[in-house]
Amino acid sequence: MIAERLSKAIPDAEIVLFLRGQTDLIMSLFNQYVKIGWFDSRLDKSFLHRPGKGFPLEKWAEGARGWNFKNRFINHRSVFSPEHFRYSKIYSLYSDLFRKVHVFLYEDFKKDQKSSLLRLATILSTELPSDFEFDEKIQKTIVNKRLNNKQLRTQLIQNKLSHILPTVNSRWTQIFARGISRFASDSNDSNKAYVISLLKERDIFRDNYALNKKLNLGMEKYPNQYFGDT
């Protein structure tokens, strides 16, 4: 809906898309949702859920009554579906609506900021200052630091305590969470394994391969991030 409205408002616009390997992106989103207190559970089906087959209205009209929650195409009890990260559909949507779509890889930007910014400047028909200090200037602007595994465990527990005991002072929930987290196991590896298995099941990595072949994006430089290679 947003893309269609933009297309009607600015039909001659060019679109810039930044893609990031889905596994790392989902893990980063999970970290951020926990960090800001929006989520208090493990990275499992309550955060990333496989779509169901759906239950068409026609079947209901024909008298079928076999619907259940597993049949829902989108599970509203979870935060994300793997289908949210199918980049070929995102690209197709924008390329159908706008005259040109430029695709960047997050990993390229992280590896070589200068080349990415120079390319972006060209797209925007501008020039960067000759004295622009690429690496130093960009590194100074990084303010959204991720939680490490220990901090993540503690914050998850604190979020859960805050939801269960909303009237308790946040300082006390922090103290309780730190104490409990000492005995909690680290689930980061199992979280990542779950994400990878679900992305493979939904052919997201295979979809990346086809998109990369079509657009020559350079995803092959980052096989772990885009193709699930280990």
C-alpha atoms as a PDB file:
ATOM      1  CA  MET A   1       0.000   0.000   0.000  1.00  0.00           C
ATOM      2  CA  ILE A   2       2.795   2.426   0.884  1.00  0.00           C
ATOM      3  CA  ALA A   3       4.687   1.603  -2.320  1.00  0.00           C
ATOM      4  CA  GLU A   4       1.570   2.148  -4.432  1.00  0.00           C
ATOM      5  CA  ARG A   5       0.861   5.497  -2.771  1.00  0.00           C
ATOM      6  CA  LEU A   6       4.448   6.621  -3.318  1.00  0.00           C
ATOM      7  CA  SER A   7       4.241   5.584  -6.950  1.00  0.00           C
ATOM      8  CA  LYS A   8       1.109   7.688  -7.485  1.00  0.00           C
ATOM      9  CA  ALA A   9       2.582  10.672  -5.636  1.00  0.00           C
ATOM     10  CA  ILE A  10       6.076  10.528  -7.187  1.00  0.00           C
ATOM     11  CA  PRO A  11       5.838   8.369 -10.347  1.00  0.00           C
ATOM     12  CA  ASP A  12       9.330   9.293 -11.617  1.00  0.00           C
ATOM     13  CA  ALA A  13      11.123   8.459  -8.360  1.00  0.00           C
ATOM     14  CA  GLU A  14      14.022   6.025  -8.219  1.00  0.00           C
ATOM     15  CA  ILE A  15      14.114   3.574  -5.330  1.00  0.00           C
ATOM     16  CA  VAL A  16      17.148   2.578  -3.272  1.00  0.00           C
ATOM     17  CA  LEU A  17      16.871  -0.766  -1.461  1.00  0.00           C
ATOM     18  CA  PHE A  18      19.377  -1.955   1.127  1.00  0.00           C
ATOM     19  CA  LEU A  19      19.269  -5.732   1.660  1.00  0.00           C
ATOM     20  CA  ARG A  20      20.851  -7.664   4.504  1.00  0.00           C
ATOM     21  CA  GLY A  21      21.320 -11.418   4.839  1.00  0.00           C
ATOM     22  CA  GLN A  22      18.077 -12.681   6.361  1.00  0.00           C
ATOM     23  CA  THR A  23      19.616 -14.741   9.164  1.00  0.00           C
ATOM     24  CA  ASP A  24      21.654 -11.831  10.503  1.00  0.00           C
ATOM     25  CA  LEU A  25      18.768  -9.422   9.963  1.00  0.00           C
ATOM     26  CA  ILE A  26      16.282 -11.535  11.922  1.00  0.00           C
ATOM     27  CA  MET A  27      18.776 -12.094  14.740  1.00  0.00           C
ATOM     28  CA  SER A  28      19.399  -8.336  14.832  1.00  0.00           C
ATOM     29  CA  LEU A  29      15.665  -7.581  14.892  1.00  0.00           C
ATOM     30  CA  PHE A  30      15.204 -10.034  17.747  1.00  0.00           C
ATOM     31  CA  ASN A  31      18.037  -8.367  19.664  1.00  0.00           C
ATOM     32  CA  GLN A  32      16.484  -4.935  19.096  1.00  0.00           C
ATOM     33  CA  TYR A  33      12.954  -6.019  20.091  1.00  0.00           C
ATOM     34  CA  VAL A  34      14.333  -7.453  23.336  1.00  0.00           C
ATOM     35  CA  LYS A  35      16.528  -4.422  23.926  1.00  0.00           C
ATOM     36  CA  ILE A  36      13.643  -1.944  23.778  1.00  0.00           C
ATOM     37  CA  GLY A  37      11.381  -4.181  25.888  1.00  0.00           C
ATOM     38  CA  TRP A  38       8.914  -5.270  23.199  1.00  0.00           C
ATOM     39  CA  PHE A  39       9.618  -8.996  23.450  1.00  0.00           C
ATOM     40  CA  ASP A  40      10.186 -11.359  26.365  1.00  0.00           C
ATOM     41  CA  SER A  41      10.445 -14.848  24.880  1.00  0.00           C
ATOM     42  CA  ARG A  42      12.901 -16.961  22.917  1.00  0.00           C
ATOM     43  CA  LEU A  43      13.452 -16.613  19.207  1.00  0.00           C
ATOM     44  CA  ASP A  44      11.080 -19.397  18.237  1.00  0.00           C
ATOM     45  CA  LYS A  45       7.666 -19.559  16.578  1.00  0.00           C
ATOM     46  CA  SER A  46       6.414 -16.772  18.841  1.00  0.00           C
ATOM     47  CA  PHE A  47       8.832 -14.408  17.044  1.00  0.00           C
ATOM     48  CA  LEU A  48       9.264 -16.002  13.597  1.00  0.00           C
ATOM     49  CA  HIS A  49       6.491 -18.344  12.466  1.00  0.00           C
ATOM     50  CA  ARG A  50       6.071 -20.413   9.304  1.00  0.00           C
ATOM     51  CA  PRO A  51       3.004 -19.431   7.264  1.00  0.00           C
ATOM     52  CA  GLY A  52       0.055 -21.780   7.187  1.00  0.00           C
ATOM     53  CA  LYS A  53      -1.680 -22.911   4.004  1.00  0.00           C
ATOM     54  CA  GLY A  54      -4.573 -20.552   4.572  1.00  0.00           C
ATOM     55  CA  PHE A  55      -8.275 -21.284   4.436  1.00  0.00           C
ATOM     56  CA  PRO A  56      -9.973 -19.778   1.360  1.00  0.00           C
ATOM     57  CA  LEU A  57     -13.402 -18.223   1.692  1.00  0.00           C
ATOM     58  CA  GLU A  58     -14.601 -20.491  -1.105  1.00  0.00           C
ATOM     59  CA  LYS A  59     -14.028 -23.580   1.025  1.00  0.00           C
ATOM     60  CA  TRP A  60     -16.051 -22.069   3.839  1.00  0.00           C
ATOM     61  CA  ALA A  61     -18.842 -21.229   1.395  1.00  0.00           C
ATOM     62  CA  GLU A  62     -18.786 -24.825   0.166  1.00  0.00           C
ATOM     63  CA  GLY A  63     -19.349 -26.037   3.721  1.00  0.00           C
ATOM     64  CA  ALA A  64     -15.800 -26.999   4.724  1.00  0.00           C
ATOM     65  CA  ARG A  65     -15.193 -26.497   8.461  1.00  0.00           C
ATOM     66  CA  GLY A  66     -11.660 -27.846   8.905  1.00  0.00           C
ATOM     67  CA  TRP A  67     -10.130 -24.490   9.745  1.00  0.00           C
ATOM     68  CA  ASN A  68      -7.823 -24.110  12.739  1.00  0.00           C
ATOM     69  CA  PHE A  69      -5.080 -21.734  13.838  1.00  0.00           C
ATOM     70  CA  LYS A  70      -2.401 -23.723  12.012  1.00  0.00           C
ATOM     71  CA  ASN A  71      -4.164 -22.980   8.726  1.00  0.00           C
ATOM     72  CA  ARG A  72      -3.676 -19.231   9.007  1.00  0.00           C
ATOM     73  CA  PHE A  73      -1.309 -17.951   6.328  1.00  0.00           C
ATOM     74  CA  ILE A  74      -0.111 -15.247   8.710  1.00  0.00           C
ATOM     75  CA  ASN A  75       0.081 -16.100  12.397  1.00  0.00           C
ATOM     76  CA  HIS A  76      -0.787 -12.937  14.286  1.00  0.00           C
ATOM     77  CA  ARG A  77       0.569 -14.408  17.506  1.00  0.00           C
ATOM     78  CA  SER A  78       4.081 -14.063  16.128  1.00  0.00           C
ATOM     79  CA  VAL A  79       6.012 -10.955  15.112  1.00  0.00           C
ATOM     80  CA  PHE A  80       7.394 -11.995  11.720  1.00  0.00           C
ATOM     81  CA  SER A  81       6.920 -14.543   8.972  1.00  0.00           C
ATOM     82  CA  PRO A  82       9.755 -15.737   6.696  1.00  0.00           C
ATOM     83  CA  GLU A  83       7.687 -14.300   3.834  1.00  0.00           C
ATOM     84  CA  HIS A  84       8.451 -10.814   5.115  1.00  0.00           C
ATOM     85  CA  PHE A  85      12.058 -11.446   4.052  1.00  0.00           C
ATOM     86  CA  ARG A  86      11.502 -12.767   0.512  1.00  0.00           C
ATOM     87  CA  TYR A  87      13.518 -10.124  -1.287  1.00  0.00           C
ATOM     88  CA  SER A  88      12.484 -11.073  -4.824  1.00  0.00           C
ATOM     89  CA  LYS A  89       8.897 -10.029  -4.099  1.00  0.00           C
ATOM     90  CA  ILE A  90      10.027  -6.741  -2.577  1.00  0.00           C
ATOM     91  CA  TYR A  91      12.189  -6.018  -5.608  1.00  0.00           C
ATOM     92  CA  SER A  92       9.438  -7.007  -8.063  1.00  0.00           C
ATOM     93  CA  LEU A  93       6.930  -4.763  -6.299  1.00  0.00           C
ATOM     94  CA  TYR A  94       9.110  -1.665  -6.536  1.00  0.00           C
ATOM     95  CA  SER A  95      10.444  -2.403 -10.023  1.00  0.00           C
ATOM     96  CA  ASP A  96       6.858  -2.680 -11.308  1.00  0.00           C
ATOM     97  CA  LEU A  97       5.877   0.642  -9.754  1.00  0.00           C
ATOM     98  CA  PHE A  98       8.956   2.793 -10.318  1.00  0.00           C
ATOM     99  CA  ARG A  99      11.227   3.488 -13.256  1.00  0.00           C
ATOM    100  CA  LYS A 100      14.411   2.272 -11.570  1.00  0.00           C
ATOM    101  CA  VAL A 101      15.424   0.347  -8.445  1.00  0.00           C
ATOM    102  CA  HIS A 102      18.973   0.409  -7.088  1.00  0.00           C
ATOM    103  CA  VAL A 103      19.911  -2.459  -4.777  1.00  0.00           C
ATOM    104  CA  PHE A 104      22.700  -2.280  -2.192  1.00  0.00           C
ATOM    105  CA  LEU A 105      23.923  -5.037   0.108  1.00  0.00           C
ATOM    106  CA  TYR A 106      24.381  -4.140   3.764  1.00  0.00           C
ATOM    107  CA  GLU A 107      27.466  -6.360   3.878  1.00  0.00           C
ATOM    108  CA  ASP A 108      29.103  -4.367   1.043  1.00  0.00           C
ATOM    109  CA  PHE A 109      28.453  -1.136   2.908  1.00  0.00           C
ATOM    110  CA  LYS A 110      29.921  -2.559   6.108  1.00  0.00           C
ATOM    111  CA  LYS A 111      32.982  -3.881   4.287  1.00  0.00           C
ATOM    112  CA  ASP A 112      33.675  -0.870   2.043  1.00  0.00           C
ATOM    113  CA  GLN A 113      31.791   2.270   3.058  1.00  0.00           C
ATOM    114  CA  LYS A 114      33.613   4.442   0.535  1.00  0.00           C
ATOM    115  CA  SER A 115      32.496   2.534  -2.551  1.00  0.00           C
ATOM    116  CA  SER A 116      28.903   2.296  -1.338  1.00  0.00           C
ATOM    117  CA  LEU A 117      28.670   5.998  -0.501  1.00  0.00           C
ATOM    118  CA  LEU A 118      30.241   7.035  -3.795  1.00  0.00           C
ATOM    119  CA  ARG A 119      27.713   4.899  -5.652  1.00  0.00           C
ATOM    120  CA  LEU A 120      24.879   6.394  -3.615  1.00  0.00           C
ATOM    121  CA  ALA A 121      26.178   9.911  -4.310  1.00  0.00           C
ATOM    122  CA  THR A 122      26.123   9.181  -8.036  1.00  0.00           C
ATOM    123  CA  ILE A 123      22.513   7.983  -7.827  1.00  0.00           C
ATOM    124  CA  LEU A 124      21.588  11.173  -5.959  1.00  0.00           C
ATOM    125  CA  SER A 125      23.474  13.317  -8.503  1.00  0.00           C
ATOM    126  CA  THR A 126      25.698  14.826  -5.853  1.00  0.00           C
ATOM    127  CA  GLU A 127      29.294  14.669  -4.677  1.00  0.00           C
ATOM    128  CA  LEU A 128      30.785  13.904  -1.305  1.00  0.00           C
ATOM    129  CA  PRO A 129      33.204  16.443   0.195  1.00  0.00           C
ATOM    130  CA  SER A 130      36.771  15.791  -0.914  1.00  0.00           C
ATOM    131  CA  ASP A 131      37.928  15.653   2.723  1.00  0.00           C
ATOM    132  CA  PHE A 132      35.220  13.188   3.800  1.00  0.00           C
ATOM    133  CA  GLU A 133      36.776  10.683   6.246  1.00  0.00           C
ATOM    134  CA  PHE A 134      34.845   7.542   5.388  1.00  0.00           C
ATOM    135  CA  ASP A 135      35.690   4.924   7.999  1.00  0.00           C
ATOM    136  CA  GLU A 136      36.256   7.285  10.934  1.00  0.00           C
ATOM    137  CA  LYS A 137      33.143   9.406  10.310  1.00  0.00           C
ATOM    138  CA  ILE A 138      30.847   6.396   9.909  1.00  0.00           C
ATOM    139  CA  GLN A 139      32.202   4.537  12.919  1.00  0.00           C
ATOM    140  CA  LYS A 140      31.570   7.588  15.116  1.00  0.00           C
ATOM    141  CA  THR A 141      27.892   7.561  14.141  1.00  0.00           C
ATOM    142  CA  ILE A 142      27.267   3.952  15.258  1.00  0.00           C
ATOM    143  CA  VAL A 143      25.113   4.365  18.353  1.00  0.00           C
ATOM    144  CA  ASN A 144      22.715   1.411  18.246  1.00  0.00           C
ATOM    145  CA  LYS A 145      24.872  -1.204  19.936  1.00  0.00           C
ATOM    146  CA  ARG A 146      23.539  -4.739  20.157  1.00  0.00           C
ATOM    147  CA  LEU A 147      23.192  -6.681  23.391  1.00  0.00           C
ATOM    148  CA  ASN A 148      25.766  -9.414  23.900  1.00  0.00           C
ATOM    149  CA  ASN A 149      24.531 -12.882  24.906  1.00  0.00           C
ATOM    150  CA  LYS A 150      24.750 -12.179  28.632  1.00  0.00           C
ATOM    151  CA  GLN A 151      22.943  -8.847  28.323  1.00  0.00           C
ATOM    152  CA  LEU A 152      20.329 -10.440  26.080  1.00  0.00           C
ATOM    153  CA  ARG A 153      19.536 -13.137  28.664  1.00  0.00           C
ATOM    154  CA  THR A 154      19.220 -10.538  31.407  1.00  0.00           C
ATOM    155  CA  GLN A 155      17.033  -8.222  29.339  1.00  0.00           C
ATOM    156  CA  LEU A 156      14.703 -11.068  28.317  1.00  0.00           C
ATOM    157  CA  ILE A 157      14.139 -11.951  31.966  1.00  0.00           C
ATOM    158  CA  GLN A 158      13.657  -8.303  32.899  1.00  0.00           C
ATOM    159  CA  ASN A 159      11.079  -7.863  30.108  1.00  0.00           C
ATOM    160  CA  LYS A 160       9.170 -10.908  31.297  1.00  0.00           C
ATOM    161  CA  LEU A 161       9.198  -9.720  34.905  1.00  0.00           C
ATOM    162  CA  SER A 162       8.022  -6.271  33.807  1.00  0.00           C
ATOM    163  CA  HIS A 163       5.087  -7.814  31.948  1.00  0.00           C
ATOM    164  CA  ILE A 164       4.160 -10.134  34.810  1.00  0.00           C
ATOM    165  CA  LEU A 165       4.692  -7.520  37.538  1.00  0.00           C
ATOM    166  CA  PRO A 166       4.010  -4.159  35.844  1.00  0.00           C
ATOM    167  CA  THR A 167       3.723  -2.290  39.143  1.00  0.00           C
ATOM    168  CA  VAL A 168       7.170  -3.310  40.405  1.00  0.00           C
ATOM    169  CA  ASN A 169       9.867  -0.648  40.125  1.00  0.00           C
ATOM    170  CA  SER A 170      12.112  -1.211  37.078  1.00  0.00           C
ATOM    171  CA  ARG A 171      15.213  -0.984  39.286  1.00  0.00           C
ATOM    172  CA  TRP A 172      14.079  -4.051  41.230  1.00  0.00           C
ATOM    173  CA  THR A 173      13.256  -5.999  38.074  1.00  0.00           C
ATOM    174  CA  GLN A 174      16.776  -5.236  36.845  1.00  0.00           C
ATOM    175  CA  ILE A 175      18.264  -6.614  40.072  1.00  0.00           C
ATOM    176  CA  PHE A 176      16.093  -9.747  39.972  1.00  0.00           C
ATOM    177  CA  ALA A 177      16.843 -10.277  36.265  1.00  0.00           C
ATOM    178  CA  ARG A 178      20.602 -10.093  36.817  1.00  0.00           C
ATOM    179  CA  GLY A 179      20.394 -12.663  39.580  1.00  0.00           C
ATOM    180  CA  ILE A 180      18.200 -15.086  37.639  1.00  0.00           C
ATOM    181  CA  SER A 181      20.218 -14.733  34.416  1.00  0.00           C
ATOM    182  CA  ARG A 182      23.240 -16.324  36.125  1.00  0.00           C
ATOM    183  CA  PHE A 183      21.411 -19.630  36.039  1.00  0.00           C
ATOM    184  CA  ALA A 184      19.831 -19.222  32.593  1.00  0.00           C
ATOM    185  CA  SER A 185      21.284 -21.094  29.623  1.00  0.00           C
ATOM    186  CA  ASP A 186      22.531 -19.342  26.502  1.00  0.00           C
ATOM    187  CA  SER A 187      20.062 -20.033  23.679  1.00  0.00           C
ATOM    188  CA  ASN A 188      21.653 -17.864  20.980  1.00  0.00           C
ATOM    189  CA  ASP A 189      22.979 -20.842  18.988  1.00  0.00           C
ATOM    190  CA  SER A 190      19.629 -22.625  19.043  1.00  0.00           C
ATOM    191  CA  ASN A 191      17.902 -19.379  18.074  1.00  0.00           C
ATOM    192  CA  LYS A 192      20.097 -19.047  14.996  1.00  0.00           C
ATOM    193  CA  ALA A 193      19.645 -22.708  14.073  1.00  0.00           C
ATOM    194  CA  TYR A 194      15.861 -22.256  14.218  1.00  0.00           C
ATOM    195  CA  VAL A 195      16.012 -19.206  11.942  1.00  0.00           C
ATOM    196  CA  ILE A 196      18.229 -20.954   9.378  1.00  0.00           C
ATOM    197  CA  SER A 197      16.065 -24.087   9.323  1.00  0.00           C
ATOM    198  CA  LEU A 198      12.900 -22.052   8.759  1.00  0.00           C
ATOM    199  CA  LEU A 199      14.462 -19.953   6.003  1.00  0.00           C
ATOM    200  CA  LYS A 200      15.636 -23.135   4.270  1.00  0.00           C
ATOM    201  CA  GLU A 201      12.214 -24.713   4.638  1.00  0.00           C
ATOM    202  CA  ARG A 202      10.581 -21.695   2.944  1.00  0.00           C
ATOM    203  CA  ASP A 203      13.233 -21.620   0.155  1.00  0.00           C
ATOM    204  CA  ILE A 204      14.315 -18.102   1.085  1.00  0.00           C
ATOM    205  CA  PHE A 205      17.974 -18.894   0.384  1.00  0.00           C
ATOM    206  CA  ARG A 206      17.082 -20.404  -2.987  1.00  0.00           C
ATOM    207  CA  ASP A 207      15.086 -17.273  -3.731  1.00  0.00           C
ATOM    208  CA  ASN A 208      18.167 -15.175  -2.909  1.00  0.00           C
ATOM    209  CA  TYR A 209      20.193 -17.249  -5.365  1.00  0.00           C
ATOM    210  CA  ALA A 210      17.716 -16.585  -8.188  1.00  0.00           C
ATOM    211  CA  LEU A 211      17.558 -12.856  -7.430  1.00  0.00           C
ATOM    212  CA  ASN A 212      21.337 -12.625  -7.251  1.00  0.00           C
ATOM    213  CA  LYS A 213      21.683 -14.369 -10.601  1.00  0.00           C
ATOM    214  CA  LYS A 214      19.122 -12.035 -12.162  1.00  0.00           C
ATOM    215  CA  LEU A 215      20.581  -8.768 -10.852  1.00  0.00           C
ATOM    216  CA  ASN A 216      24.233  -9.710 -10.283  1.00  0.00           C
ATOM    217  CA  LEU A 217      24.183  -8.292  -6.750  1.00  0.00           C
ATOM    218  CA  GLY A 218      27.315 -10.026  -5.467  1.00  0.00           C
ATOM    219  CA  MET A 219      25.573 -12.109  -2.798  1.00  0.00           C
ATOM    220  CA  GLU A 220      28.015 -14.931  -3.540  1.00  0.00           C
ATOM    221  CA  LYS A 221      30.624 -12.957  -1.568  1.00  0.00           C
ATOM    222  CA  TYR A 222      28.537 -13.624   1.555  1.00  0.00           C
ATOM    223  CA  PRO A 223      27.307 -17.227   1.240  1.00  0.00           C
ATOM    224  CA  ASN A 224      26.597 -17.629   4.954  1.00  0.00           C
ATOM    225  CA  GLN A 225      24.360 -14.597   5.046  1.00  0.00           C
ATOM    226  CA  TYR A 226      22.384 -15.125   1.833  1.00  0.00           C
ATOM    227  CA  PHE A 227      22.539 -18.828   0.985  1.00  0.00           C
ATOM    228  CA  GLY A 228      22.653 -20.441   4.420  1.00  0.00           C
ATOM    229  CA  ASP A 229      26.036 -22.040   3.736  1.00  0.00           C
ATOM    230  CA  THR A 230      27.963 -23.112   6.822  1.00  0.00           C
END
